[in-house]
Amino acid sequence: MISRKGLSITTLTTLLTLACSASIVRPVRGANDDSNAAKQSSAKVKAAEAEIWALETVYWEVNRDADHKRIISTWHDKFLGWPDAEPKPIDKEQGARYVRNNYAEPASYSFEIVPTGIRILGNVAVNHYRVILTSKDDNAKETKRSMRITHTWIRNGGGWKILGGMSDSE
């Protein structure tokens, strides 16, 4: 849907997801392109990718630690996410209630992020990964839980924020 003000967040997210799936968001370099410019552009993309993965690590740390303020601060004001336990997507306000209700106390799990893909186009990044959560019960029996995660990040004057996301237990 295109409004008078431009693309809606839903349309933008859908287009970015489709573009990512079709692998068309990486620039194609022609034979006449300046190789230094290509190297600089590639270096900027690699730096942005590293920044996104670092932010994902922080995101899981603050989730584990039940740091509600920091969790919510990672979300864009127009955030729309779909946690695996919810029947439909939730906005930032609903997400704030969700984390307060579901992550009331810090948890005692470790996590491993396994990156599976990332695409960056200007100020938008879409990344996919698995997160493996490992916890131990009172008898030291280890339990692992794996989830697939997709986040759409948008960069503005305040840095990268999560615009949308979805998780699914494996």
N, C-alpha and C. Protein backbone atom coordinates (compact mmCIF):
# COMPACT_ATOMS: atom_id res chain seq x y z
N MET A 1 0.85 -1.16 0.00
CA MET A 1 0.00 0.00 0.00
C MET A 1 0.89 1.22 0.00
N ILE A 2 0.64 2.17 -0.86
CA ILE A 2 1.41 3.41 -0.90
C ILE A 2 0.48 4.53 -0.44
N SER A 3 0.93 5.22 0.61
CA SER A 3 0.15 6.33 1.14
C SER A 3 0.64 7.62 0.51
N ARG A 4 -0.01 8.72 0.86
CA ARG A 4 0.43 10.02 0.35
C ARG A 4 1.84 10.35 0.83
N LYS A 5 2.19 9.83 1.99
CA LYS A 5 3.49 10.13 2.58
C LYS A 5 4.58 9.18 2.10
N GLY A 6 4.25 8.13 1.37
CA GLY A 6 5.25 7.20 0.88
C GLY A 6 4.86 5.78 1.22
N LEU A 7 5.84 4.89 1.23
CA LEU A 7 5.59 3.49 1.50
C LEU A 7 5.26 3.27 2.97
N SER A 8 4.31 2.40 3.23
CA SER A 8 4.00 2.05 4.61
C SER A 8 5.09 1.13 5.14
N ILE A 9 5.20 1.02 6.45
CA ILE A 9 6.20 0.15 7.07
C ILE A 9 5.96 -1.29 6.63
N THR A 10 4.70 -1.72 6.57
CA THR A 10 4.38 -3.09 6.16
C THR A 10 4.85 -3.34 4.74
N THR A 11 4.59 -2.41 3.84
CA THR A 11 5.03 -2.57 2.45
C THR A 11 6.54 -2.60 2.38
N LEU A 12 7.20 -1.70 3.09
CA LEU A 12 8.66 -1.66 3.10
C LEU A 12 9.24 -2.97 3.59
N THR A 13 8.72 -3.49 4.70
CA THR A 13 9.21 -4.75 5.25
C THR A 13 9.00 -5.89 4.26
N THR A 14 7.82 -5.94 3.62
CA THR A 14 7.54 -6.98 2.64
C THR A 14 8.49 -6.89 1.47
N LEU A 15 8.69 -5.69 0.94
CA LEU A 15 9.60 -5.52 -0.19
C LEU A 15 11.02 -5.91 0.16
N LEU A 16 11.46 -5.54 1.36
CA LEU A 16 12.82 -5.90 1.78
C LEU A 16 12.97 -7.41 1.93
N THR A 17 11.97 -8.06 2.48
CA THR A 17 12.02 -9.51 2.63
C THR A 17 12.07 -10.18 1.27
N LEU A 18 11.24 -9.72 0.33
CA LEU A 18 11.26 -10.28 -1.01
C LEU A 18 12.60 -10.04 -1.70
N ALA A 19 13.12 -8.84 -1.53
CA ALA A 19 14.41 -8.52 -2.14
C ALA A 19 15.50 -9.40 -1.57
N CYS A 20 15.46 -9.63 -0.27
CA CYS A 20 16.44 -10.49 0.38
C CYS A 20 16.33 -11.91 -0.16
N SER A 21 15.12 -12.40 -0.28
CA SER A 21 14.89 -13.76 -0.77
C SER A 21 15.38 -13.92 -2.20
N ALA A 22 15.25 -12.88 -2.98
CA ALA A 22 15.66 -12.94 -4.38
C ALA A 22 17.13 -12.58 -4.56
N SER A 23 17.79 -12.23 -3.48
CA SER A 23 19.22 -11.87 -3.49
C SER A 23 19.51 -10.73 -4.46
N ILE A 24 18.66 -9.71 -4.45
CA ILE A 24 18.88 -8.61 -5.38
C ILE A 24 19.34 -7.34 -4.69
N VAL A 25 19.57 -7.38 -3.40
CA VAL A 25 19.93 -6.16 -2.70
C VAL A 25 21.42 -5.85 -2.72
N ARG A 26 22.24 -6.79 -3.08
CA ARG A 26 23.66 -6.52 -3.19
C ARG A 26 23.92 -5.86 -4.55
N PRO A 27 24.71 -4.79 -4.57
CA PRO A 27 24.96 -4.13 -5.85
C PRO A 27 25.77 -5.02 -6.78
N VAL A 28 25.44 -4.97 -8.05
CA VAL A 28 26.20 -5.69 -9.07
C VAL A 28 27.20 -4.71 -9.64
N ARG A 29 28.44 -5.08 -9.65
CA ARG A 29 29.50 -4.19 -10.12
C ARG A 29 29.81 -4.51 -11.58
N GLY A 30 29.91 -3.47 -12.38
CA GLY A 30 30.26 -3.64 -13.79
C GLY A 30 31.75 -3.56 -13.99
N ALA A 31 32.18 -3.91 -15.19
CA ALA A 31 33.60 -3.93 -15.52
C ALA A 31 34.20 -2.53 -15.46
N ASN A 32 33.39 -1.49 -15.63
CA ASN A 32 33.91 -0.12 -15.64
C ASN A 32 33.92 0.54 -14.27
N ASP A 33 33.45 -0.16 -13.25
CA ASP A 33 33.41 0.44 -11.91
C ASP A 33 34.82 0.61 -11.36
N ASP A 34 35.00 1.65 -10.60
CA ASP A 34 36.28 1.91 -9.96
C ASP A 34 36.50 0.87 -8.87
N SER A 35 37.58 0.13 -8.94
CA SER A 35 37.82 -0.95 -7.97
C SER A 35 38.01 -0.41 -6.56
N ASN A 36 38.59 0.78 -6.40
CA ASN A 36 38.73 1.36 -5.06
C ASN A 36 37.37 1.67 -4.46
N ALA A 37 36.47 2.21 -5.26
CA ALA A 37 35.12 2.50 -4.77
C ALA A 37 34.42 1.21 -4.38
N ALA A 38 34.61 0.18 -5.17
CA ALA A 38 34.00 -1.12 -4.86
C ALA A 38 34.55 -1.67 -3.55
N LYS A 39 35.85 -1.55 -3.34
CA LYS A 39 36.47 -2.03 -2.11
C LYS A 39 35.96 -1.24 -0.90
N GLN A 40 35.86 0.08 -1.07
CA GLN A 40 35.36 0.91 0.03
C GLN A 40 33.92 0.57 0.35
N SER A 41 33.10 0.41 -0.67
CA SER A 41 31.70 0.05 -0.47
C SER A 41 31.59 -1.30 0.22
N SER A 42 32.38 -2.25 -0.23
CA SER A 42 32.38 -3.58 0.37
C SER A 42 32.82 -3.52 1.83
N ALA A 43 33.81 -2.69 2.11
CA ALA A 43 34.30 -2.54 3.48
C ALA A 43 33.21 -1.94 4.36
N LYS A 44 32.45 -0.96 3.84
CA LYS A 44 31.36 -0.35 4.61
C LYS A 44 30.27 -1.37 4.90
N VAL A 45 29.95 -2.20 3.91
CA VAL A 45 28.92 -3.23 4.10
C VAL A 45 29.39 -4.23 5.15
N LYS A 46 30.64 -4.67 5.06
CA LYS A 46 31.18 -5.63 6.04
C LYS A 46 31.16 -5.04 7.44
N ALA A 47 31.51 -3.76 7.56
CA ALA A 47 31.48 -3.11 8.88
C ALA A 47 30.05 -3.04 9.42
N ALA A 48 29.09 -2.73 8.56
CA ALA A 48 27.69 -2.67 8.98
C ALA A 48 27.19 -4.06 9.37
N GLU A 49 27.60 -5.08 8.62
CA GLU A 49 27.22 -6.46 8.97
C GLU A 49 27.76 -6.83 10.35
N ALA A 50 29.02 -6.51 10.60
CA ALA A 50 29.63 -6.82 11.90
C ALA A 50 28.90 -6.07 13.02
N GLU A 51 28.49 -4.83 12.74
CA GLU A 51 27.77 -4.05 13.74
C GLU A 51 26.41 -4.70 14.05
N ILE A 52 25.70 -5.15 13.03
CA ILE A 52 24.40 -5.80 13.23
C ILE A 52 24.57 -7.06 14.07
N TRP A 53 25.55 -7.90 13.74
CA TRP A 53 25.75 -9.14 14.52
C TRP A 53 26.12 -8.81 15.97
N ALA A 54 26.91 -7.78 16.19
CA ALA A 54 27.24 -7.37 17.56
C ALA A 54 25.99 -6.91 18.30
N LEU A 55 25.13 -6.17 17.61
CA LEU A 55 23.87 -5.72 18.22
C LEU A 55 22.96 -6.90 18.56
N GLU A 56 22.97 -7.94 17.73
CA GLU A 56 22.17 -9.14 18.03
C GLU A 56 22.67 -9.80 19.32
N THR A 57 23.98 -9.84 19.50
CA THR A 57 24.53 -10.42 20.72
C THR A 57 24.07 -9.63 21.94
N VAL A 58 24.17 -8.31 21.85
CA VAL A 58 23.70 -7.46 22.95
C VAL A 58 22.21 -7.68 23.19
N TYR A 59 21.43 -7.79 22.11
CA TYR A 59 19.99 -8.01 22.23
C TYR A 59 19.69 -9.26 23.05
N TRP A 60 20.41 -10.35 22.79
CA TRP A 60 20.17 -11.58 23.54
C TRP A 60 20.68 -11.47 24.98
N GLU A 61 21.74 -10.73 25.20
CA GLU A 61 22.22 -10.52 26.57
C GLU A 61 21.18 -9.76 27.40
N VAL A 62 20.61 -8.69 26.83
CA VAL A 62 19.64 -7.91 27.61
C VAL A 62 18.32 -8.67 27.77
N ASN A 63 17.98 -9.53 26.80
CA ASN A 63 16.80 -10.40 26.97
C ASN A 63 17.03 -11.39 28.11
N ARG A 64 18.19 -12.03 28.09
CA ARG A 64 18.52 -13.00 29.15
C ARG A 64 18.51 -12.32 30.52
N ASP A 65 19.02 -11.09 30.57
CA ASP A 65 19.13 -10.37 31.84
C ASP A 65 17.83 -9.67 32.24
N ALA A 66 16.78 -9.79 31.41
CA ALA A 66 15.46 -9.17 31.66
C ALA A 66 15.59 -7.66 31.84
N ASP A 67 16.47 -7.06 31.05
CA ASP A 67 16.67 -5.61 31.10
C ASP A 67 15.64 -4.97 30.16
N HIS A 68 14.43 -4.83 30.66
CA HIS A 68 13.30 -4.40 29.84
C HIS A 68 13.55 -3.07 29.13
N LYS A 69 14.10 -2.13 29.83
CA LYS A 69 14.34 -0.81 29.24
C LYS A 69 15.27 -0.92 28.03
N ARG A 70 16.33 -1.69 28.16
CA ARG A 70 17.29 -1.84 27.05
C ARG A 70 16.70 -2.66 25.91
N ILE A 71 15.89 -3.67 26.23
CA ILE A 71 15.24 -4.46 25.16
C ILE A 71 14.39 -3.53 24.32
N ILE A 72 13.52 -2.79 24.97
CA ILE A 72 12.58 -1.91 24.28
C ILE A 72 13.31 -0.80 23.53
N SER A 73 14.44 -0.36 24.07
CA SER A 73 15.19 0.72 23.41
C SER A 73 15.83 0.26 22.10
N THR A 74 15.94 -1.02 21.87
CA THR A 74 16.50 -1.51 20.61
C THR A 74 15.47 -1.48 19.48
N TRP A 75 14.20 -1.32 19.84
CA TRP A 75 13.13 -1.34 18.85
C TRP A 75 12.84 0.05 18.30
N HIS A 76 12.58 0.12 17.02
CA HIS A 76 12.13 1.35 16.36
C HIS A 76 10.73 1.69 16.88
N ASP A 77 10.36 2.96 16.84
CA ASP A 77 9.03 3.37 17.31
C ASP A 77 7.90 2.69 16.53
N LYS A 78 8.15 2.33 15.28
CA LYS A 78 7.14 1.65 14.45
C LYS A 78 7.37 0.13 14.43
N PHE A 79 8.02 -0.39 15.44
CA PHE A 79 8.32 -1.82 15.55
C PHE A 79 7.08 -2.69 15.37
N LEU A 80 7.27 -3.81 14.65
CA LEU A 80 6.26 -4.84 14.52
C LEU A 80 6.98 -6.18 14.56
N GLY A 81 6.69 -6.98 15.56
CA GLY A 81 7.37 -8.26 15.70
C GLY A 81 6.38 -9.38 15.94
N TRP A 82 6.84 -10.60 15.68
CA TRP A 82 5.98 -11.77 15.86
C TRP A 82 6.73 -12.85 16.63
N PRO A 83 6.68 -12.77 17.97
CA PRO A 83 7.31 -13.81 18.78
C PRO A 83 6.62 -15.16 18.54
N ASP A 84 7.38 -16.23 18.65
CA ASP A 84 6.83 -17.56 18.36
C ASP A 84 5.67 -17.95 19.26
N ALA A 85 5.56 -17.35 20.43
CA ALA A 85 4.48 -17.71 21.36
C ALA A 85 3.22 -16.88 21.16
N GLU A 86 3.25 -15.94 20.24
CA GLU A 86 2.10 -15.06 20.02
C GLU A 86 1.32 -15.50 18.77
N PRO A 87 -0.03 -15.38 18.81
CA PRO A 87 -0.84 -15.79 17.66
C PRO A 87 -0.79 -14.81 16.48
N LYS A 88 -0.31 -13.58 16.74
CA LYS A 88 -0.22 -12.58 15.67
C LYS A 88 0.88 -11.59 16.02
N PRO A 89 1.30 -10.77 15.05
CA PRO A 89 2.34 -9.78 15.31
C PRO A 89 1.91 -8.76 16.36
N ILE A 90 2.91 -8.19 17.03
CA ILE A 90 2.67 -7.20 18.08
C ILE A 90 3.50 -5.95 17.81
N ASP A 91 2.97 -4.79 18.25
CA ASP A 91 3.69 -3.54 18.07
C ASP A 91 4.59 -3.27 19.27
N LYS A 92 5.20 -2.10 19.30
CA LYS A 92 6.16 -1.79 20.36
C LYS A 92 5.50 -1.78 21.74
N GLU A 93 4.32 -1.20 21.86
CA GLU A 93 3.63 -1.15 23.15
C GLU A 93 3.26 -2.56 23.62
N GLN A 94 2.72 -3.37 22.73
CA GLN A 94 2.38 -4.75 23.08
C GLN A 94 3.65 -5.56 23.37
N GLY A 95 4.72 -5.26 22.62
CA GLY A 95 5.99 -5.94 22.85
C GLY A 95 6.56 -5.62 24.22
N ALA A 96 6.39 -4.38 24.67
CA ALA A 96 6.86 -4.00 26.01
C ALA A 96 6.14 -4.81 27.08
N ARG A 97 4.82 -4.96 26.92
CA ARG A 97 4.06 -5.79 27.87
C ARG A 97 4.52 -7.25 27.80
N TYR A 98 4.75 -7.72 26.58
CA TYR A 98 5.18 -9.11 26.37
C TYR A 98 6.49 -9.40 27.12
N VAL A 99 7.49 -8.53 26.96
CA VAL A 99 8.77 -8.80 27.63
C VAL A 99 8.65 -8.67 29.14
N ARG A 100 7.84 -7.73 29.60
CA ARG A 100 7.67 -7.61 31.06
C ARG A 100 6.97 -8.83 31.64
N ASN A 101 6.00 -9.38 30.91
CA ASN A 101 5.27 -10.57 31.39
C ASN A 101 6.06 -11.85 31.23
N ASN A 102 6.80 -11.98 30.13
CA ASN A 102 7.47 -13.24 29.83
C ASN A 102 8.92 -13.30 30.28
N TYR A 103 9.51 -12.16 30.55
CA TYR A 103 10.89 -12.11 31.01
C TYR A 103 10.96 -11.25 32.26
N ALA A 104 10.17 -11.63 33.26
CA ALA A 104 10.08 -10.84 34.49
C ALA A 104 11.38 -10.86 35.28
N GLU A 105 12.07 -11.98 35.25
CA GLU A 105 13.32 -12.14 36.01
C GLU A 105 14.44 -12.57 35.07
N PRO A 106 15.68 -12.24 35.41
CA PRO A 106 16.80 -12.72 34.60
C PRO A 106 16.80 -14.24 34.51
N ALA A 107 17.23 -14.74 33.37
CA ALA A 107 17.28 -16.19 33.14
C ALA A 107 18.73 -16.67 33.25
N SER A 108 18.89 -17.96 33.39
CA SER A 108 20.24 -18.51 33.55
C SER A 108 20.56 -19.44 32.39
N TYR A 109 20.49 -18.92 31.19
CA TYR A 109 20.86 -19.71 30.03
C TYR A 109 22.04 -19.05 29.32
N SER A 110 22.73 -19.86 28.57
CA SER A 110 23.74 -19.32 27.68
C SER A 110 23.14 -19.36 26.27
N PHE A 111 23.72 -18.62 25.36
CA PHE A 111 23.19 -18.62 24.01
C PHE A 111 24.31 -18.59 22.99
N GLU A 112 24.00 -19.12 21.83
CA GLU A 112 24.92 -19.09 20.71
C GLU A 112 24.13 -18.61 19.50
N ILE A 113 24.62 -17.59 18.83
CA ILE A 113 24.00 -17.09 17.61
C ILE A 113 24.73 -17.72 16.43
N VAL A 114 23.96 -18.34 15.53
CA VAL A 114 24.51 -18.96 14.34
C VAL A 114 23.97 -18.18 13.13
N PRO A 115 24.77 -17.24 12.61
CA PRO A 115 24.30 -16.44 11.48
C PRO A 115 24.02 -17.32 10.25
N THR A 116 22.91 -17.05 9.57
CA THR A 116 22.59 -17.80 8.35
C THR A 116 22.44 -16.90 7.13
N GLY A 117 22.32 -15.58 7.33
CA GLY A 117 22.24 -14.67 6.20
C GLY A 117 22.03 -13.24 6.64
N ILE A 118 22.54 -12.33 5.82
CA ILE A 118 22.34 -10.90 6.08
C ILE A 118 22.43 -10.16 4.76
N ARG A 119 21.59 -9.17 4.60
CA ARG A 119 21.63 -8.27 3.45
C ARG A 119 21.44 -6.86 3.96
N ILE A 120 22.25 -5.95 3.42
CA ILE A 120 22.14 -4.55 3.80
C ILE A 120 21.96 -3.73 2.54
N LEU A 121 20.97 -2.85 2.59
CA LEU A 121 20.69 -1.95 1.49
C LEU A 121 20.54 -0.56 2.09
N GLY A 122 21.57 0.24 1.95
CA GLY A 122 21.53 1.58 2.53
C GLY A 122 21.38 1.53 4.03
N ASN A 123 20.27 2.07 4.53
CA ASN A 123 20.03 2.14 5.97
C ASN A 123 19.12 1.04 6.48
N VAL A 124 18.97 -0.03 5.70
CA VAL A 124 18.12 -1.14 6.10
C VAL A 124 18.93 -2.44 6.03
N ALA A 125 18.76 -3.27 7.04
CA ALA A 125 19.43 -4.58 7.07
C ALA A 125 18.39 -5.63 7.43
N VAL A 126 18.49 -6.77 6.77
CA VAL A 126 17.67 -7.94 7.11
C VAL A 126 18.64 -9.05 7.44
N ASN A 127 18.47 -9.65 8.63
CA ASN A 127 19.35 -10.76 8.97
C ASN A 127 18.53 -11.95 9.48
N HIS A 128 19.07 -13.12 9.20
CA HIS A 128 18.47 -14.38 9.62
C HIS A 128 19.52 -15.16 10.40
N TYR A 129 19.07 -15.84 11.45
CA TYR A 129 20.01 -16.64 12.22
C TYR A 129 19.26 -17.64 13.09
N ARG A 130 20.03 -18.57 13.62
CA ARG A 130 19.52 -19.47 14.65
C ARG A 130 20.14 -19.02 15.96
N VAL A 131 19.36 -19.13 17.01
CA VAL A 131 19.91 -18.91 18.34
C VAL A 131 19.68 -20.20 19.11
N ILE A 132 20.72 -20.68 19.73
CA ILE A 132 20.63 -21.91 20.52
C ILE A 132 20.77 -21.52 21.98
N LEU A 133 19.72 -21.78 22.74
CA LEU A 133 19.69 -21.46 24.16
C LEU A 133 19.99 -22.74 24.94
N THR A 134 20.93 -22.66 25.86
CA THR A 134 21.32 -23.81 26.67
C THR A 134 21.11 -23.48 28.14
N SER A 135 20.34 -24.32 28.80
CA SER A 135 20.11 -24.12 30.24
C SER A 135 20.33 -25.45 30.96
N LYS A 136 20.48 -25.35 32.27
CA LYS A 136 20.67 -26.54 33.12
C LYS A 136 19.61 -26.52 34.20
N ASP A 137 19.07 -27.71 34.49
CA ASP A 137 18.09 -27.80 35.57
C ASP A 137 18.82 -27.98 36.90
N ASP A 138 18.07 -28.21 37.98
CA ASP A 138 18.67 -28.33 39.31
C ASP A 138 19.61 -29.52 39.43
N ASN A 139 19.46 -30.52 38.56
CA ASN A 139 20.32 -31.70 38.58
C ASN A 139 21.46 -31.58 37.57
N ALA A 140 21.67 -30.38 37.05
CA ALA A 140 22.72 -30.09 36.07
C ALA A 140 22.49 -30.76 34.72
N LYS A 141 21.26 -31.19 34.47
CA LYS A 141 20.92 -31.75 33.16
C LYS A 141 20.76 -30.60 32.17
N GLU A 142 21.48 -30.70 31.06
CA GLU A 142 21.48 -29.64 30.07
C GLU A 142 20.31 -29.79 29.09
N THR A 143 19.67 -28.67 28.81
CA THR A 143 18.58 -28.64 27.84
C THR A 143 18.90 -27.57 26.81
N LYS A 144 18.71 -27.92 25.52
CA LYS A 144 18.95 -26.95 24.45
C LYS A 144 17.64 -26.68 23.72
N ARG A 145 17.48 -25.43 23.34
CA ARG A 145 16.33 -25.00 22.56
C ARG A 145 16.86 -24.15 21.42
N SER A 146 16.38 -24.42 20.22
CA SER A 146 16.84 -23.69 19.05
C SER A 146 15.67 -22.93 18.42
N MET A 147 15.95 -21.71 18.00
CA MET A 147 14.93 -20.89 17.34
C MET A 147 15.52 -20.25 16.09
N ARG A 148 14.67 -20.06 15.09
CA ARG A 148 15.05 -19.30 13.91
C ARG A 148 14.55 -17.87 14.11
N ILE A 149 15.41 -16.91 13.80
CA ILE A 149 15.09 -15.50 14.01
C ILE A 149 15.31 -14.72 12.71
N THR A 150 14.44 -13.79 12.45
CA THR A 150 14.62 -12.80 11.38
C THR A 150 14.40 -11.43 12.00
N HIS A 151 15.34 -10.54 11.77
CA HIS A 151 15.18 -9.14 12.19
C HIS A 151 15.39 -8.23 10.99
N THR A 152 14.61 -7.18 10.94
CA THR A 152 14.82 -6.10 9.98
C THR A 152 15.24 -4.89 10.79
N TRP A 153 16.43 -4.40 10.51
CA TRP A 153 17.00 -3.26 11.21
C TRP A 153 16.95 -2.04 10.32
N ILE A 154 16.76 -0.87 10.91
CA ILE A 154 16.80 0.39 10.17
C ILE A 154 17.73 1.34 10.92
N ARG A 155 18.59 2.02 10.15
CA ARG A 155 19.56 2.94 10.75
C ARG A 155 19.05 4.37 10.58
N ASN A 156 19.01 5.08 11.69
CA ASN A 156 18.66 6.49 11.65
C ASN A 156 19.70 7.25 12.45
N GLY A 157 19.45 8.50 12.77
CA GLY A 157 20.42 9.31 13.50
C GLY A 157 20.87 8.71 14.82
N GLY A 158 20.03 7.88 15.42
CA GLY A 158 20.36 7.27 16.71
C GLY A 158 20.99 5.90 16.59
N GLY A 159 21.38 5.49 15.40
CA GLY A 159 21.97 4.17 15.20
C GLY A 159 20.95 3.18 14.67
N TRP A 160 21.27 1.90 14.76
CA TRP A 160 20.41 0.83 14.25
C TRP A 160 19.32 0.50 15.26
N LYS A 161 18.09 0.32 14.77
CA LYS A 161 16.94 -0.09 15.58
C LYS A 161 16.24 -1.24 14.87
N ILE A 162 15.63 -2.13 15.64
CA ILE A 162 14.88 -3.23 15.05
C ILE A 162 13.51 -2.70 14.63
N LEU A 163 13.23 -2.78 13.34
CA LEU A 163 11.95 -2.35 12.81
C LEU A 163 10.95 -3.50 12.86
N GLY A 164 11.41 -4.70 12.59
CA GLY A 164 10.53 -5.86 12.60
C GLY A 164 11.29 -7.13 12.88
N GLY A 165 10.55 -8.15 13.30
CA GLY A 165 11.20 -9.42 13.57
C GLY A 165 10.20 -10.53 13.68
N MET A 166 10.72 -11.74 13.59
CA MET A 166 9.90 -12.94 13.75
C MET A 166 10.77 -14.05 14.29
N SER A 167 10.20 -14.85 15.18
CA SER A 167 10.92 -16.00 15.70
C SER A 167 10.05 -17.24 15.56
N ASP A 168 10.73 -18.38 15.43
CA ASP A 168 10.03 -19.65 15.31
C ASP A 168 10.87 -20.72 15.98
N SER A 169 10.26 -21.44 16.91
CA SER A 169 10.99 -22.53 17.57
C SER A 169 11.22 -23.68 16.60
N GLU A 170 12.36 -24.33 16.76
CA GLU A 170 12.65 -25.50 15.92
C GLU A 170 12.36 -26.76 16.70
